PDB file of N, CA and C in Angstrom:
ATOM      1  N   UNK A   1      -7.126 -40.915  41.879  1.00  0.00           N
ATOM      2  CA  UNK A   1      -6.854 -41.016  40.488  1.00  0.00           C
ATOM      3  C   UNK A   1      -6.363 -39.650  39.982  1.00  0.00           C
ATOM      4  N   UNK A   2      -5.220 -39.662  39.314  1.00  0.00           N
ATOM      5  CA  UNK A   2      -4.638 -38.441  38.767  1.00  0.00           C
ATOM      6  C   UNK A   2      -4.519 -38.563  37.250  1.00  0.00           C
ATOM      7  N   UNK A   3      -4.862 -37.492  36.587  1.00  0.00           N
ATOM      8  CA  UNK A   3      -4.689 -37.449  35.133  1.00  0.00           C
ATOM      9  C   UNK A   3      -3.507 -36.529  34.854  1.00  0.00           C
ATOM     10  N   UNK A   4      -2.575 -37.070  34.139  1.00  0.00           N
ATOM     11  CA  UNK A   4      -1.376 -36.291  33.839  1.00  0.00           C
ATOM     12  C   UNK A   4      -1.657 -35.416  32.620  1.00  0.00           C
ATOM     13  N   UNK A   5      -1.437 -34.122  32.776  1.00  0.00           N
ATOM     14  CA  UNK A   5      -1.671 -33.192  31.670  1.00  0.00           C
ATOM     15  C   UNK A   5      -0.337 -32.677  31.160  1.00  0.00           C
ATOM     16  N   UNK A   6      -0.255 -32.618  29.917  1.00  0.00           N
ATOM     17  CA  UNK A   6       0.969 -32.151  29.283  1.00  0.00           C
ATOM     18  C   UNK A   6       0.878 -30.639  29.090  1.00  0.00           C
ATOM     19  N   UNK A   7       1.893 -29.931  29.531  1.00  0.00           N
ATOM     20  CA  UNK A   7       1.891 -28.476  29.354  1.00  0.00           C
ATOM     21  C   UNK A   7       2.438 -28.144  27.980  1.00  0.00           C
ATOM     22  N   UNK A   8       1.699 -27.338  27.288  1.00  0.00           N
ATOM     23  CA  UNK A   8       2.117 -26.936  25.945  1.00  0.00           C
ATOM     24  C   UNK A   8       2.455 -25.451  25.965  1.00  0.00           C
ATOM     25  N   UNK A   9       3.460 -25.077  25.205  1.00  0.00           N
ATOM     26  CA  UNK A   9       3.761 -23.648  25.127  1.00  0.00           C
ATOM     27  C   UNK A   9       2.619 -22.921  24.417  1.00  0.00           C
ATOM     28  N   UNK A  10       2.412 -21.661  24.745  1.00  0.00           N
ATOM     29  CA  UNK A  10       1.323 -20.927  24.089  1.00  0.00           C
ATOM     30  C   UNK A  10       1.566 -20.820  22.584  1.00  0.00           C
ATOM     31  N   UNK A  11       0.515 -20.935  21.853  1.00  0.00           N
ATOM     32  CA  UNK A  11       0.599 -20.856  20.397  1.00  0.00           C
ATOM     33  C   UNK A  11       0.442 -19.398  19.984  1.00  0.00           C
ATOM     34  N   UNK A  12       1.419 -18.927  19.242  1.00  0.00           N
ATOM     35  CA  UNK A  12       1.367 -17.550  18.753  1.00  0.00           C
ATOM     36  C   UNK A  12       0.980 -17.597  17.287  1.00  0.00           C
ATOM     37  N   UNK A  13      -0.127 -16.984  16.996  1.00  0.00           N
ATOM     38  CA  UNK A  13      -0.593 -16.973  15.620  1.00  0.00           C
ATOM     39  C   UNK A  13       0.033 -15.804  14.885  1.00  0.00           C
ATOM     40  N   UNK A  14       0.620 -16.110  13.747  1.00  0.00           N
ATOM     41  CA  UNK A  14       1.195 -15.051  12.929  1.00  0.00           C
ATOM     42  C   UNK A  14       0.132 -14.574  11.962  1.00  0.00           C
ATOM     43  N   UNK A  15      -0.135 -13.293  12.027  1.00  0.00           N
ATOM     44  CA  UNK A  15      -1.115 -12.718  11.126  1.00  0.00           C
ATOM     45  C   UNK A  15      -0.374 -11.860  10.115  1.00  0.00           C
ATOM     46  N   UNK A  16      -0.747 -11.943   8.857  1.00  0.00           N
ATOM     47  CA  UNK A  16      -0.081 -11.099   7.869  1.00  0.00           C
ATOM     48  C   UNK A  16      -0.412  -9.631   8.125  1.00  0.00           C
ATOM     49  N   UNK A  17       0.519  -8.784   7.793  1.00  0.00           N
ATOM     50  CA  UNK A  17       0.286  -7.351   7.954  1.00  0.00           C
ATOM     51  C   UNK A  17      -0.805  -6.958   6.977  1.00  0.00           C
ATOM     52  N   UNK A  18      -1.828  -6.334   7.507  1.00  0.00           N
ATOM     53  CA  UNK A  18      -2.939  -5.965   6.637  1.00  0.00           C
ATOM     54  C   UNK A  18      -2.928  -4.470   6.374  1.00  0.00           C
ATOM     55  N   UNK A  19      -3.321  -4.140   5.189  1.00  0.00           N
ATOM     56  CA  UNK A  19      -3.434  -2.747   4.793  1.00  0.00           C
ATOM     57  C   UNK A  19      -4.804  -2.276   5.244  1.00  0.00           C
ATOM     58  N   UNK A  20      -4.891  -1.045   5.781  1.00  0.00           N
ATOM     59  CA  UNK A  20      -6.192  -0.559   6.256  1.00  0.00           C
ATOM     60  C   UNK A  20      -7.286  -0.728   5.207  1.00  0.00           C
ATOM     61  N   UNK A  21      -8.457  -1.028   5.669  1.00  0.00           N
ATOM     62  CA  UNK A  21      -9.649  -1.226   4.845  1.00  0.00           C
ATOM     63  C   UNK A  21      -9.527  -2.430   3.920  1.00  0.00           C
ATOM     64  N   UNK A  22      -8.594  -3.331   4.218  1.00  0.00           N
ATOM     65  CA  UNK A  22      -8.430  -4.556   3.442  1.00  0.00           C
ATOM     66  C   UNK A  22      -8.274  -4.277   1.948  1.00  0.00           C
ATOM     67  N   UNK A  23      -7.521  -3.250   1.618  1.00  0.00           N
ATOM     68  CA  UNK A  23      -7.274  -2.917   0.221  1.00  0.00           C
ATOM     69  C   UNK A  23      -6.328  -3.939  -0.389  1.00  0.00           C
ATOM     70  N   UNK A  24      -6.463  -4.170  -1.665  1.00  0.00           N
ATOM     71  CA  UNK A  24      -5.551  -5.055  -2.375  1.00  0.00           C
ATOM     72  C   UNK A  24      -4.484  -4.179  -3.019  1.00  0.00           C
ATOM     73  N   UNK A  25      -3.204  -4.334  -2.612  1.00  0.00           N
ATOM     74  CA  UNK A  25      -2.181  -3.431  -3.111  1.00  0.00           C
ATOM     75  C   UNK A  25      -1.942  -3.513  -4.606  1.00  0.00           C
ATOM     76  N   UNK A  26      -2.361  -4.558  -5.279  1.00  0.00           N
ATOM     77  CA  UNK A  26      -2.144  -4.655  -6.715  1.00  0.00           C
ATOM     78  C   UNK A  26      -3.183  -3.886  -7.518  1.00  0.00           C
ATOM     79  N   UNK A  27      -4.260  -3.475  -6.888  1.00  0.00           N
ATOM     80  CA  UNK A  27      -5.308  -2.797  -7.637  1.00  0.00           C
ATOM     81  C   UNK A  27      -4.960  -1.330  -7.852  1.00  0.00           C
ATOM     82  N   UNK A  28      -5.314  -0.836  -9.001  1.00  0.00           N
ATOM     83  CA  UNK A  28      -5.040   0.560  -9.339  1.00  0.00           C
ATOM     84  C   UNK A  28      -5.804   1.478  -8.400  1.00  0.00           C
ATOM     85  N   UNK A  29      -6.999   1.077  -7.984  1.00  0.00           N
ATOM     86  CA  UNK A  29      -7.813   1.909  -7.095  1.00  0.00           C
ATOM     87  C   UNK A  29      -7.092   2.188  -5.782  1.00  0.00           C
ATOM     88  N   UNK A  30      -6.347   1.212  -5.283  1.00  0.00           N
ATOM     89  CA  UNK A  30      -5.577   1.385  -4.048  1.00  0.00           C
ATOM     90  C   UNK A  30      -4.590   2.542  -4.208  1.00  0.00           C
ATOM     91  N   UNK A  31      -3.852   2.543  -5.315  1.00  0.00           N
ATOM     92  CA  UNK A  31      -2.853   3.581  -5.547  1.00  0.00           C
ATOM     93  C   UNK A  31      -3.503   4.941  -5.809  1.00  0.00           C
ATOM     94  N   UNK A  32      -4.593   4.937  -6.546  1.00  0.00           N
ATOM     95  CA  UNK A  32      -5.286   6.196  -6.830  1.00  0.00           C
ATOM     96  C   UNK A  32      -5.780   6.828  -5.534  1.00  0.00           C
ATOM     97  N   UNK A  33      -6.342   6.016  -4.649  1.00  0.00           N
ATOM     98  CA  UNK A  33      -6.835   6.534  -3.371  1.00  0.00           C
ATOM     99  C   UNK A  33      -5.692   7.126  -2.550  1.00  0.00           C
ATOM    100  N   UNK A  34      -4.562   6.415  -2.493  1.00  0.00           N
ATOM    101  CA  UNK A  34      -3.408   6.912  -1.741  1.00  0.00           C
ATOM    102  C   UNK A  34      -2.903   8.230  -2.328  1.00  0.00           C
ATOM    103  N   UNK A  35      -2.825   8.300  -3.661  1.00  0.00           N
ATOM    104  CA  UNK A  35      -2.320   9.519  -4.303  1.00  0.00           C
ATOM    105  C   UNK A  35      -3.257  10.696  -4.083  1.00  0.00           C
ATOM    106  N   UNK A  36      -4.549  10.452  -4.223  1.00  0.00           N
ATOM    107  CA  UNK A  36      -5.507  11.540  -4.027  1.00  0.00           C
ATOM    108  C   UNK A  36      -5.500  12.043  -2.592  1.00  0.00           C
ATOM    109  N   UNK A  37      -5.362  11.136  -1.640  1.00  0.00           N
ATOM    110  CA  UNK A  37      -5.287  11.531  -0.233  1.00  0.00           C
ATOM    111  C   UNK A  37      -4.075  12.412   0.004  1.00  0.00           C
ATOM    112  N   UNK A  38      -2.931  11.989  -0.528  1.00  0.00           N
ATOM    113  CA  UNK A  38      -1.706  12.764  -0.347  1.00  0.00           C
ATOM    114  C   UNK A  38      -1.828  14.128  -1.029  1.00  0.00           C
ATOM    115  N   UNK A  39      -2.396  14.135  -2.226  1.00  0.00           N
ATOM    116  CA  UNK A  39      -2.536  15.384  -2.981  1.00  0.00           C
ATOM    117  C   UNK A  39      -3.422  16.376  -2.227  1.00  0.00           C
ATOM    118  N   UNK A  40      -4.514  15.898  -1.648  1.00  0.00           N
ATOM    119  CA  UNK A  40      -5.416  16.773  -0.900  1.00  0.00           C
ATOM    120  C   UNK A  40      -4.755  17.318   0.356  1.00  0.00           C
ATOM    121  N   UNK A  41      -3.996  16.463   1.048  1.00  0.00           N
ATOM    122  CA  UNK A  41      -3.348  16.894   2.288  1.00  0.00           C
ATOM    123  C   UNK A  41      -2.240  17.906   2.048  1.00  0.00           C
ATOM    124  N   UNK A  42      -1.394  17.641   1.053  1.00  0.00           N
ATOM    125  CA  UNK A  42      -0.172  18.419   0.894  1.00  0.00           C
ATOM    126  C   UNK A  42      -0.158  19.367  -0.295  1.00  0.00           C
ATOM    127  N   UNK A  43      -1.120  19.238  -1.177  1.00  0.00           N
ATOM    128  CA  UNK A  43      -1.214  20.119  -2.329  1.00  0.00           C
ATOM    129  C   UNK A  43       0.087  20.124  -3.135  1.00  0.00           C
ATOM    130  N   UNK A  44       0.657  18.935  -3.356  1.00  0.00           N
ATOM    131  CA  UNK A  44       1.905  18.796  -4.106  1.00  0.00           C
ATOM    132  C   UNK A  44       1.709  17.846  -5.275  1.00  0.00           C
ATOM    133  N   UNK A  45       2.624  17.923  -6.230  1.00  0.00           N
ATOM    134  CA  UNK A  45       2.565  17.090  -7.421  1.00  0.00           C
ATOM    135  C   UNK A  45       2.933  15.647  -7.106  1.00  0.00           C
ATOM    136  N   UNK A  46       2.053  14.752  -7.450  1.00  0.00           N
ATOM    137  CA  UNK A  46       2.293  13.334  -7.207  1.00  0.00           C
ATOM    138  C   UNK A  46       3.305  12.792  -8.204  1.00  0.00           C
ATOM    139  N   UNK A  47       3.233  13.266  -9.435  1.00  0.00           N
ATOM    140  CA  UNK A  47       4.096  12.746 -10.495  1.00  0.00           C
ATOM    141  C   UNK A  47       5.563  12.886 -10.149  1.00  0.00           C
ATOM    142  N   UNK A  48       5.958  14.037  -9.651  1.00  0.00           N
ATOM    143  CA  UNK A  48       7.362  14.255  -9.297  1.00  0.00           C
ATOM    144  C   UNK A  48       7.769  13.406  -8.102  1.00  0.00           C
ATOM    145  N   UNK A  49       6.912  13.324  -7.108  1.00  0.00           N
ATOM    146  CA  UNK A  49       7.262  12.584  -5.899  1.00  0.00           C
ATOM    147  C   UNK A  49       7.301  11.076  -6.125  1.00  0.00           C
ATOM    148  N   UNK A  50       6.385  10.553  -6.912  1.00  0.00           N
ATOM    149  CA  UNK A  50       6.348   9.111  -7.161  1.00  0.00           C
ATOM    150  C   UNK A  50       7.317   8.706  -8.259  1.00  0.00           C
ATOM    151  N   UNK A  51       7.820   9.684  -9.007  1.00  0.00           N
ATOM    152  CA  UNK A  51       8.803   9.444 -10.061  1.00  0.00           C
ATOM    153  C   UNK A  51       8.233   8.558 -11.166  1.00  0.00           C
ATOM    154  N   UNK A  52       6.963   8.791 -11.529  1.00  0.00           N
ATOM    155  CA  UNK A  52       6.377   8.078 -12.660  1.00  0.00           C
ATOM    156  C   UNK A  52       6.070   9.100 -13.742  1.00  0.00           C
ATOM    157  N   UNK A  53       5.967   8.632 -14.965  1.00  0.00           N
ATOM    158  CA  UNK A  53       5.773   9.550 -16.086  1.00  0.00           C
ATOM    159  C   UNK A  53       4.376  10.177 -16.051  1.00  0.00           C
ATOM    160  N   UNK A  54       4.281  11.332 -16.696  1.00  0.00           N
ATOM    161  CA  UNK A  54       3.006  12.044 -16.749  1.00  0.00           C
ATOM    162  C   UNK A  54       1.945  11.197 -17.444  1.00  0.00           C
ATOM    163  N   UNK A  55       2.332  10.541 -18.552  1.00  0.00           N
ATOM    164  CA  UNK A  55       1.350   9.752 -19.299  1.00  0.00           C
ATOM    165  C   UNK A  55       0.841   8.563 -18.478  1.00  0.00           C
ATOM    166  N   UNK A  56       1.730   7.927 -17.722  1.00  0.00           N
ATOM    167  CA  UNK A  56       1.311   6.806 -16.869  1.00  0.00           C
ATOM    168  C   UNK A  56       0.340   7.285 -15.803  1.00  0.00           C
ATOM    169  N   UNK A  57       0.672   8.396 -15.159  1.00  0.00           N
ATOM    170  CA  UNK A  57      -0.198   8.951 -14.125  1.00  0.00           C
ATOM    171  C   UNK A  57      -1.549   9.349 -14.708  1.00  0.00           C
ATOM    172  N   UNK A  58      -1.537   9.996 -15.861  1.00  0.00           N
ATOM    173  CA  UNK A  58      -2.769  10.436 -16.500  1.00  0.00           C
ATOM    174  C   UNK A  58      -3.666   9.251 -16.854  1.00  0.00           C
ATOM    175  N   UNK A  59      -3.096   8.232 -17.475  1.00  0.00           N
ATOM    176  CA  UNK A  59      -3.891   7.045 -17.838  1.00  0.00           C
ATOM    177  C   UNK A  59      -4.433   6.346 -16.599  1.00  0.00           C
ATOM    178  N   UNK A  60      -3.635   6.332 -15.552  1.00  0.00           N
ATOM    179  CA  UNK A  60      -4.055   5.664 -14.329  1.00  0.00           C
ATOM    180  C   UNK A  60      -5.236   6.390 -13.682  1.00  0.00           C
ATOM    181  N   UNK A  61      -5.125   7.708 -13.562  1.00  0.00           N
ATOM    182  CA  UNK A  61      -6.176   8.479 -12.902  1.00  0.00           C
ATOM    183  C   UNK A  61      -7.445   8.590 -13.742  1.00  0.00           C
ATOM    184  N   UNK A  62      -7.317   8.495 -15.069  1.00  0.00           N
ATOM    185  CA  UNK A  62      -8.503   8.591 -15.919  1.00  0.00           C
ATOM    186  C   UNK A  62      -9.203   7.243 -16.092  1.00  0.00           C
ATOM    187  N   UNK A  63      -8.601   6.178 -15.569  1.00  0.00           N
ATOM    188  CA  UNK A  63      -9.223   4.864 -15.652  1.00  0.00           C
ATOM    189  C   UNK A  63      -8.909   4.111 -16.923  1.00  0.00           C
ATOM    190  N   UNK A  64      -7.994   4.617 -17.743  1.00  0.00           N
ATOM    191  CA  UNK A  64      -7.643   3.936 -18.986  1.00  0.00           C
ATOM    192  C   UNK A  64      -6.670   2.785 -18.766  1.00  0.00           C
ATOM    193  N   UNK A  65      -6.085   2.751 -17.615  1.00  0.00           N
ATOM    194  CA  UNK A  65      -5.108   1.700 -17.295  1.00  0.00           C
ATOM    195  C   UNK A  65      -5.808   0.609 -16.495  1.00  0.00           C
ATOM    196  N   UNK A  66      -5.738  -0.615 -16.953  1.00  0.00           N
ATOM    197  CA  UNK A  66      -6.421  -1.723 -16.276  1.00  0.00           C
ATOM    198  C   UNK A  66      -5.523  -2.439 -15.276  1.00  0.00           C
ATOM    199  N   UNK A  67      -4.208  -2.420 -15.515  1.00  0.00           N
ATOM    200  CA  UNK A  67      -3.274  -3.063 -14.596  1.00  0.00           C
ATOM    201  C   UNK A  67      -1.952  -2.308 -14.630  1.00  0.00           C
ATOM    202  N   UNK A  68      -1.125  -2.545 -13.629  1.00  0.00           N
ATOM    203  CA  UNK A  68       0.162  -1.865 -13.527  1.00  0.00           C
ATOM    204  C   UNK A  68       1.286  -2.809 -13.907  1.00  0.00           C
ATOM    205  N   UNK A  69       2.305  -2.268 -14.593  1.00  0.00           N
ATOM    206  CA  UNK A  69       3.481  -3.103 -14.834  1.00  0.00           C
ATOM    207  C   UNK A  69       4.340  -3.099 -13.574  1.00  0.00           C
ATOM    208  N   UNK A  70       5.295  -4.004 -13.507  1.00  0.00           N
ATOM    209  CA  UNK A  70       6.097  -4.172 -12.288  1.00  0.00           C
ATOM    210  C   UNK A  70       6.884  -2.923 -11.923  1.00  0.00           C
ATOM    211  N   UNK A  71       7.435  -2.240 -12.923  1.00  0.00           N
ATOM    212  CA  UNK A  71       8.245  -1.051 -12.652  1.00  0.00           C
ATOM    213  C   UNK A  71       7.409   0.053 -12.002  1.00  0.00           C
ATOM    214  N   UNK A  72       6.252   0.331 -12.574  1.00  0.00           N
ATOM    215  CA  UNK A  72       5.370   1.365 -12.025  1.00  0.00           C
ATOM    216  C   UNK A  72       4.869   0.966 -10.644  1.00  0.00           C
ATOM    217  N   UNK A  73       4.512  -0.295 -10.481  1.00  0.00           N
ATOM    218  CA  UNK A  73       4.039  -0.774  -9.181  1.00  0.00           C
ATOM    219  C   UNK A  73       5.123  -0.613  -8.118  1.00  0.00           C
ATOM    220  N   UNK A  74       6.368  -0.947  -8.450  1.00  0.00           N
ATOM    221  CA  UNK A  74       7.471  -0.797  -7.495  1.00  0.00           C
ATOM    222  C   UNK A  74       7.687   0.662  -7.117  1.00  0.00           C
ATOM    223  N   UNK A  75       7.620   1.562  -8.098  1.00  0.00           N
ATOM    224  CA  UNK A  75       7.792   2.990  -7.813  1.00  0.00           C
ATOM    225  C   UNK A  75       6.689   3.498  -6.896  1.00  0.00           C
ATOM    226  N   UNK A  76       5.464   3.081  -7.164  1.00  0.00           N
ATOM    227  CA  UNK A  76       4.347   3.524  -6.331  1.00  0.00           C
ATOM    228  C   UNK A  76       4.418   2.925  -4.930  1.00  0.00           C
ATOM    229  N   UNK A  77       4.851   1.679  -4.823  1.00  0.00           N
ATOM    230  CA  UNK A  77       5.017   1.064  -3.499  1.00  0.00           C
ATOM    231  C   UNK A  77       6.062   1.815  -2.678  1.00  0.00           C
ATOM    232  N   UNK A  78       7.174   2.169  -3.311  1.00  0.00           N
ATOM    233  CA  UNK A  78       8.218   2.929  -2.612  1.00  0.00           C
ATOM    234  C   UNK A  78       7.699   4.297  -2.199  1.00  0.00           C
ATOM    235  N   UNK A  79       6.915   4.915  -3.068  1.00  0.00           N
ATOM    236  CA  UNK A  79       6.356   6.230  -2.756  1.00  0.00           C
ATOM    237  C   UNK A  79       5.432   6.139  -1.541  1.00  0.00           C
ATOM    238  N   UNK A  80       4.578   5.113  -1.511  1.00  0.00           N
ATOM    239  CA  UNK A  80       3.656   4.935  -0.387  1.00  0.00           C
ATOM    240  C   UNK A  80       4.428   4.675   0.900  1.00  0.00           C
ATOM    241  N   UNK A  81       5.486   3.870   0.826  1.00  0.00           N
ATOM    242  CA  UNK A  81       6.312   3.619   2.014  1.00  0.00           C
ATOM    243  C   UNK A  81       6.919   4.916   2.534  1.00  0.00           C
ATOM    244  N   UNK A  82       7.416   5.758   1.625  1.00  0.00           N
ATOM    245  CA  UNK A  82       8.000   7.038   2.051  1.00  0.00           C
ATOM    246  C   UNK A  82       6.952   7.914   2.720  1.00  0.00           C
ATOM    247  N   UNK A  83       5.736   7.923   2.180  1.00  0.00           N
ATOM    248  CA  UNK A  83       4.681   8.745   2.761  1.00  0.00           C
ATOM    249  C   UNK A  83       4.306   8.245   4.152  1.00  0.00           C
ATOM    250  N   UNK A  84       4.277   6.929   4.335  1.00  0.00           N
ATOM    251  CA  UNK A  84       3.946   6.375   5.647  1.00  0.00           C
ATOM    252  C   UNK A  84       5.028   6.699   6.664  1.00  0.00           C
ATOM    253  N   UNK A  85       6.291   6.672   6.238  1.00  0.00           N
ATOM    254  CA  UNK A  85       7.391   7.040   7.135  1.00  0.00           C
ATOM    255  C   UNK A  85       7.289   8.512   7.502  1.00  0.00           C
ATOM    256  N   UNK A  86       6.984   9.351   6.523  1.00  0.00           N
ATOM    257  CA  UNK A  86       6.844  10.787   6.790  1.00  0.00           C
ATOM    258  C   UNK A  86       5.698  11.045   7.764  1.00  0.00           C
ATOM    259  N   UNK A  87       4.627  10.289   7.650  1.00  0.00           N
ATOM    260  CA  UNK A  87       3.490  10.467   8.558  1.00  0.00           C
ATOM    261  C   UNK A  87       3.835  10.060   9.981  1.00  0.00           C
ATOM    262  N   UNK A  88       4.751   9.101  10.126  1.00  0.00           N
ATOM    263  CA  UNK A  88       5.161   8.676  11.462  1.00  0.00           C
ATOM    264  C   UNK A  88       6.038   9.717  12.144  1.00  0.00           C
ATOM    265  N   UNK A  89       6.773  10.500  11.349  1.00  0.00           N
ATOM    266  CA  UNK A  89       7.659  11.518  11.919  1.00  0.00           C
ATOM    267  C   UNK A  89       6.863  12.693  12.322  1.00  0.00           C
TER     268      UNK A  89
END
Protein backbone atom coordinates (compact mmCIF):
# COMPACT_ATOMS: atom_id res chain seq x y z
CA UNK A 1 0.00 0.00 0.00
CA UNK A 2 1.40 3.38 -1.06
CA UNK A 3 0.19 6.79 -0.01
CA UNK A 4 0.78 9.45 -2.56
CA UNK A 5 2.09 12.66 -1.03
CA UNK A 6 1.91 15.94 -2.76
CA UNK A 7 5.07 18.02 -2.67
CA UNK A 8 4.47 21.61 -1.78
CA UNK A 9 6.90 24.44 -2.30
CA UNK A 10 8.29 25.88 0.93
CA UNK A 11 6.21 28.66 2.38
CA UNK A 12 8.10 31.89 2.87
CA UNK A 13 6.61 34.08 5.50
CA UNK A 14 6.89 37.78 4.87
CA UNK A 15 7.55 39.68 8.03
CA UNK A 16 7.18 43.44 8.15
CA UNK A 17 10.35 45.37 8.77
CA UNK A 18 10.40 46.12 12.45
CA UNK A 19 11.96 49.06 14.14
CA UNK A 20 14.28 48.12 17.02
CA UNK A 21 12.56 47.83 20.39
CA UNK A 22 9.17 47.67 18.65
CA UNK A 23 8.85 51.45 18.65
CA UNK A 24 5.83 53.01 16.98
CA UNK A 25 7.13 55.47 14.39
CA UNK A 26 4.12 57.77 14.76
CA UNK A 27 4.79 58.45 18.42
CA UNK A 28 6.63 61.60 19.40
CA UNK A 29 8.68 59.60 21.92
CA UNK A 30 10.20 57.58 19.05
CA UNK A 31 11.47 60.75 17.37
CA UNK A 32 12.64 62.34 20.61
CA UNK A 33 14.67 59.24 21.46
CA UNK A 34 16.27 59.19 17.99
CA UNK A 35 17.11 62.91 18.18
CA UNK A 36 18.57 62.70 21.66
CA UNK A 37 20.71 59.71 20.68
CA UNK A 38 22.05 61.55 17.65
CA UNK A 39 22.65 64.73 19.66
CA UNK A 40 24.63 62.85 22.32
CA UNK A 41 26.74 60.99 19.75
CA UNK A 42 27.56 63.88 17.45
CA UNK A 43 27.05 67.00 19.53
CA UNK A 44 25.32 68.75 16.60
CA UNK A 45 22.14 70.76 16.21
CA UNK A 46 19.14 68.62 15.43
CA UNK A 47 17.02 71.53 14.24
CA UNK A 48 19.29 72.36 11.32
CA UNK A 49 19.80 68.75 10.28
CA UNK A 50 16.13 67.73 10.48
CA UNK A 51 15.06 71.00 8.84
CA UNK A 52 12.22 71.64 11.30
CA UNK A 53 11.46 74.95 12.95
CA UNK A 54 12.83 75.87 16.36
CA UNK A 55 9.34 76.25 17.83
CA UNK A 56 8.27 72.80 16.59
CA UNK A 57 11.40 71.19 18.03
CA UNK A 58 11.01 73.05 21.32
CA UNK A 59 7.35 72.06 21.76
CA UNK A 60 8.16 68.49 20.84
CA UNK A 61 11.03 68.09 23.29
CA UNK A 62 9.19 69.85 26.13
CA UNK A 63 6.19 67.53 25.77
CA UNK A 64 3.74 70.24 24.71
CA UNK A 65 3.12 68.55 21.38
CA UNK A 66 0.73 65.60 21.51
CA UNK A 67 0.91 64.56 17.85
CA UNK A 68 2.87 65.38 14.71
CA UNK A 69 1.49 66.86 11.52
CA UNK A 70 2.32 65.09 8.25
CA UNK A 71 4.92 67.63 7.12
CA UNK A 72 6.94 67.44 10.35
CA UNK A 73 6.62 63.65 10.46
CA UNK A 74 7.92 63.37 6.87
CA UNK A 75 10.89 65.63 7.63
CA UNK A 76 11.78 63.62 10.72
CA UNK A 77 11.41 60.31 8.87
CA UNK A 78 13.79 61.55 6.16
CA UNK A 79 16.22 62.74 8.82
CA UNK A 80 16.18 59.33 10.54
CA UNK A 81 16.73 57.57 7.20
CA UNK A 82 19.75 59.79 6.50
CA UNK A 83 21.18 59.03 9.94
CA UNK A 84 20.76 55.29 9.42
CA UNK A 85 22.52 55.51 6.04
CA UNK A 86 25.35 57.50 7.62
CA UNK A 87 25.70 54.86 10.34
CA UNK A 88 26.03 52.15 7.70
CA UNK A 89 28.90 54.00 6.00
